[in-house]
Amino acid sequence: MCGRFTIHANKKKLAEAIKLHIPEEYEPDYNIGPGREILSLAQDEASEPAMKMMHWGLRTPQNFHTNARIETADTKPRFRDAWAEHRCLIPANGFYEWLNDGVRKQPHYIYPEDKELLFFAGLWFPSSAPEMPYHCVVLTTAASERIHPIHHRMPVCLPKNLHQPWLNQSLTKDDAHQAASVHSFAAHSVSTRVNSVRNNDSDLILEVNPRTDEQMQLF
């Protein structure tokens, strides 16, 4: 799954990298959790791609969905219409996953080795009222060899050459699935301070020794 991520580029640098206008509401964030307004690249019918702020999560009578499996998103009744008509891309610098060794859950920060911006494949859903933001979910896939020891799932990350085919629904599930497996990731342990979304600073992505971190949390 993907339950927490970062996007910490400042607005000017992000606009230069994406070459699109960034909404005024955007602020760099080191600890983004579900239910937040997040930056997303989407393409409405008959319009050019644009950056929007979307609500991360889709509430239904049965559940609150933040992720959808790419293996089944095109066939599940909850997601198949969005798969066919409403795809988006969610920029990120990296994401967090928790390694459960049976004793504790140790957070890890996972990021591209080349430090380039990631783009998670996602699906968006129209809001119930015109003034309300769209909702979105992140697509996930089986973890790569590098990430699997930490967690068995990861976000579907798409390279730049596939952004437009993804947004205009011409990229197939098999091609998206295959493209997601080519990213090279690095990972390291980070402080358990990331467990609380109230903590939001650059120290969260720094590598820590888990034993030292445990001792520091006592003070």
Protein backbone atom coordinates (compact mmCIF):
# COMPACT_ATOMS: atom_id res chain seq x y z
CA MET A 1 0.00 0.00 0.00
CA CYS A 2 0.94 3.67 0.04
CA GLY A 3 -0.13 5.43 3.22
CA ARG A 4 2.32 8.31 3.57
CA PHE A 5 4.57 10.24 1.19
CA THR A 6 6.52 13.47 0.70
CA ILE A 7 6.56 16.27 -1.82
CA HIS A 8 9.02 18.85 -0.53
CA ALA A 9 10.17 20.80 -3.58
CA ASN A 10 9.40 24.50 -3.28
CA LYS A 11 6.73 25.94 -5.55
CA LYS A 12 9.11 27.63 -7.99
CA LYS A 13 11.36 24.60 -8.48
CA LEU A 14 8.36 22.31 -8.79
CA ALA A 15 6.79 24.53 -11.46
CA GLU A 16 10.07 24.52 -13.38
CA ALA A 17 10.35 20.73 -13.16
CA ILE A 18 6.76 20.01 -14.16
CA LYS A 19 6.44 23.01 -16.52
CA LEU A 20 2.91 23.70 -15.31
CA HIS A 21 1.30 26.24 -13.00
CA ILE A 22 1.25 25.07 -9.38
CA PRO A 23 -1.90 25.90 -7.35
CA GLU A 24 -1.45 28.59 -4.72
CA GLU A 25 -2.58 26.17 -1.99
CA TYR A 26 0.42 23.92 -2.52
CA GLU A 27 3.00 23.82 0.27
CA PRO A 28 6.05 21.50 0.60
CA ASP A 29 5.20 18.59 2.90
CA TYR A 30 7.30 15.88 4.54
CA ASN A 31 4.48 13.82 6.00
CA ILE A 32 1.40 13.59 3.79
CA GLY A 33 -1.30 11.25 5.05
CA PRO A 34 -4.71 10.18 3.71
CA GLY A 35 -7.48 12.73 3.92
CA ARG A 36 -5.19 15.61 2.95
CA GLU A 37 -5.42 17.86 -0.09
CA ILE A 38 -2.60 16.74 -2.39
CA LEU A 39 -1.12 17.94 -5.67
CA SER A 40 -2.28 15.96 -8.67
CA LEU A 41 -1.87 16.20 -12.45
CA ALA A 42 -5.12 15.49 -14.28
CA GLN A 43 -6.71 16.05 -17.65
CA ASP A 44 -10.40 16.87 -17.91
CA GLU A 45 -12.35 16.08 -21.04
CA ALA A 46 -11.18 18.22 -23.97
CA SER A 47 -8.63 20.10 -21.89
CA GLU A 48 -4.90 20.20 -21.39
CA PRO A 49 -3.24 18.54 -18.38
CA ALA A 50 -3.25 20.79 -15.31
CA MET A 51 -2.11 20.62 -11.70
CA LYS A 52 -4.96 20.49 -9.19
CA MET A 53 -5.36 20.01 -5.47
CA MET A 54 -7.32 16.82 -4.79
CA HIS A 55 -8.58 15.11 -1.65
CA TRP A 56 -6.57 11.93 -1.08
CA GLY A 57 -9.13 9.25 -0.38
CA LEU A 58 -12.54 8.07 -1.57
CA ARG A 59 -15.17 7.45 1.07
CA THR A 60 -17.86 4.88 0.37
CA PRO A 61 -20.56 3.44 2.65
CA GLN A 62 -18.28 0.44 3.26
CA ASN A 63 -14.79 1.91 3.41
CA PHE A 64 -12.34 4.77 2.96
CA HIS A 65 -10.16 3.96 -0.04
CA THR A 66 -6.72 5.56 -0.38
CA ASN A 67 -5.21 2.94 -2.70
CA ALA A 68 -6.38 0.68 -5.51
CA ARG A 69 -4.56 -2.38 -6.82
CA ILE A 70 -3.51 -1.96 -10.45
CA GLU A 71 -4.10 -5.67 -10.97
CA THR A 72 -7.86 -5.24 -10.47
CA ALA A 73 -8.61 -1.50 -10.77
CA ASP A 74 -9.92 -1.88 -14.33
CA THR A 75 -12.51 -4.48 -13.29
CA LYS A 76 -13.56 -3.54 -9.74
CA PRO A 77 -16.94 -1.72 -9.85
CA ARG A 78 -15.60 0.96 -7.49
CA PHE A 79 -12.69 1.93 -9.77
CA ARG A 80 -13.33 0.73 -13.33
CA ASP A 81 -15.08 3.92 -14.55
CA ALA A 82 -12.24 6.08 -13.23
CA TRP A 83 -9.73 3.71 -14.86
CA ALA A 84 -11.46 4.23 -18.20
CA GLU A 85 -12.06 7.98 -17.93
CA HIS A 86 -10.28 9.69 -15.01
CA ARG A 87 -6.60 8.98 -14.52
CA CYS A 88 -4.15 11.24 -12.74
CA LEU A 89 -0.51 11.50 -11.67
CA ILE A 90 0.59 12.42 -8.16
CA PRO A 91 4.09 13.97 -7.84
CA ALA A 92 6.25 12.88 -4.90
CA ASN A 93 9.86 12.95 -3.75
CA GLY A 94 9.50 9.66 -1.89
CA PHE A 95 7.23 7.59 0.31
CA TYR A 96 7.24 5.81 3.65
CA GLU A 97 6.66 2.15 4.44
CA TRP A 98 6.84 0.29 7.75
CA LEU A 99 8.88 -2.89 8.23
CA ASN A 100 7.10 -5.20 10.66
CA ASP A 101 9.57 -7.66 12.20
CA GLY A 102 7.01 -9.11 14.59
CA VAL A 103 8.19 -6.95 17.47
CA ARG A 104 7.81 -3.40 16.16
CA LYS A 105 7.07 -1.45 13.02
CA GLN A 106 10.10 0.51 11.83
CA PRO A 107 9.41 3.28 9.28
CA HIS A 108 11.59 3.51 6.18
CA TYR A 109 11.88 6.30 3.65
CA ILE A 110 11.96 5.07 0.04
CA TYR A 111 13.05 7.38 -2.77
CA PRO A 112 14.53 7.20 -6.30
CA GLU A 113 18.27 6.66 -6.43
CA ASP A 114 18.64 9.49 -8.94
CA LYS A 115 16.68 11.87 -6.63
CA GLU A 116 14.35 12.74 -9.51
CA LEU A 117 10.68 13.48 -8.94
CA LEU A 118 8.36 10.47 -8.80
CA PHE A 119 4.88 10.38 -10.31
CA PHE A 120 2.41 7.93 -8.78
CA ALA A 121 -0.29 6.64 -11.11
CA GLY A 122 -3.71 7.43 -9.67
CA LEU A 123 -7.42 7.63 -10.37
CA TRP A 124 -9.63 10.64 -9.69
CA PHE A 125 -13.32 10.97 -8.94
CA PRO A 126 -15.61 13.98 -9.48
CA SER A 127 -16.79 15.76 -6.34
CA SER A 128 -20.40 15.89 -5.23
CA ALA A 129 -20.43 19.70 -5.35
CA PRO A 130 -18.79 22.10 -7.86
CA GLU A 131 -16.84 23.96 -5.20
CA MET A 132 -15.42 20.80 -3.64
CA PRO A 133 -12.08 19.26 -4.77
CA TYR A 134 -11.90 16.02 -6.69
CA HIS A 135 -11.03 12.84 -4.81
CA CYS A 136 -8.18 10.54 -5.80
CA VAL A 137 -6.54 7.22 -4.94
CA VAL A 138 -3.01 5.92 -5.55
CA LEU A 139 -2.53 2.77 -7.59
CA THR A 140 -0.26 0.13 -6.09
CA THR A 141 1.56 -2.93 -7.39
CA ALA A 142 3.73 -5.76 -6.06
CA ALA A 143 6.90 -4.39 -4.51
CA SER A 144 10.17 -4.49 -6.43
CA GLU A 145 13.06 -6.64 -5.24
CA ARG A 146 14.58 -3.67 -3.41
CA ILE A 147 11.40 -2.74 -1.55
CA HIS A 148 9.93 -6.19 -0.88
CA PRO A 149 11.98 -6.82 2.29
CA ILE A 150 10.31 -3.71 3.76
CA HIS A 151 6.79 -4.06 2.38
CA HIS A 152 5.06 -6.26 -0.20
CA ARG A 153 3.32 -3.39 -2.06
CA MET A 154 4.45 -0.06 -3.52
CA PRO A 155 2.98 2.80 -5.58
CA VAL A 156 2.88 2.46 -9.36
CA CYS A 157 5.47 5.03 -10.54
CA LEU A 158 5.46 6.07 -14.19
CA PRO A 159 8.34 7.66 -16.17
CA LYS A 160 7.80 10.97 -17.98
CA ASN A 161 7.47 9.42 -21.44
CA LEU A 162 4.34 7.59 -20.27
CA HIS A 163 2.61 10.49 -18.53
CA GLN A 164 0.49 11.61 -21.48
CA PRO A 165 -0.48 8.07 -22.55
CA TRP A 166 -1.53 7.44 -18.95
CA LEU A 167 -3.59 10.62 -18.70
CA ASN A 168 -5.39 10.07 -22.00
CA GLN A 169 -6.19 6.43 -21.10
CA SER A 170 -4.16 4.94 -23.96
CA LEU A 171 -1.59 3.25 -21.68
CA THR A 172 -2.61 -0.34 -21.03
CA LYS A 173 -2.56 -2.01 -17.66
CA ASP A 174 0.21 -4.39 -18.71
CA ASP A 175 2.40 -1.52 -19.97
CA ALA A 176 1.83 0.51 -16.80
CA HIS A 177 2.56 -2.53 -14.66
CA GLN A 178 5.79 -3.23 -16.54
CA ALA A 179 6.95 0.41 -16.45
CA ALA A 180 6.47 0.53 -12.69
CA SER A 181 9.05 -2.22 -12.19
CA VAL A 182 12.00 -0.37 -13.77
CA HIS A 183 12.51 2.34 -11.13
CA SER A 184 15.66 2.06 -9.00
CA PHE A 185 14.96 2.90 -5.38
CA ALA A 186 17.05 3.55 -2.30
CA ALA A 187 15.71 3.16 1.25
CA HIS A 188 16.76 3.75 4.84
CA SER A 189 15.31 3.71 8.36
CA VAL A 190 13.82 6.95 9.62
CA SER A 191 12.57 8.22 12.94
CA THR A 192 9.30 6.93 14.38
CA ARG A 193 8.34 10.61 14.62
CA VAL A 194 6.90 10.09 11.16
CA ASN A 195 4.19 7.93 12.75
CA SER A 196 2.35 11.11 13.70
CA VAL A 197 1.23 13.39 10.87
CA ARG A 198 1.54 16.29 13.32
CA ASN A 199 5.29 16.03 12.75
CA ASN A 200 6.24 17.64 9.47
CA ASP A 201 9.86 18.69 8.98
CA SER A 202 12.89 17.77 6.90
CA ASP A 203 14.40 15.66 9.70
CA LEU A 204 11.74 13.02 9.04
CA ILE A 205 13.51 11.77 5.91
CA LEU A 206 16.97 11.59 7.46
CA GLU A 207 18.48 8.17 8.08
CA VAL A 208 18.51 7.08 11.73
CA ASN A 209 19.69 4.08 13.70
CA PRO A 210 16.49 2.46 15.06
CA ARG A 211 18.08 1.79 18.47
CA THR A 212 19.30 5.37 18.80
CA ASP A 213 15.92 6.64 17.70
CA GLU A 214 14.19 4.58 20.39
CA GLN A 215 16.45 6.06 23.04
CA MET A 216 15.84 9.61 21.80
CA GLN A 217 12.06 9.12 21.97
CA LEU A 218 12.38 8.62 25.75
CA PHE A 219 13.51 12.21 26.29
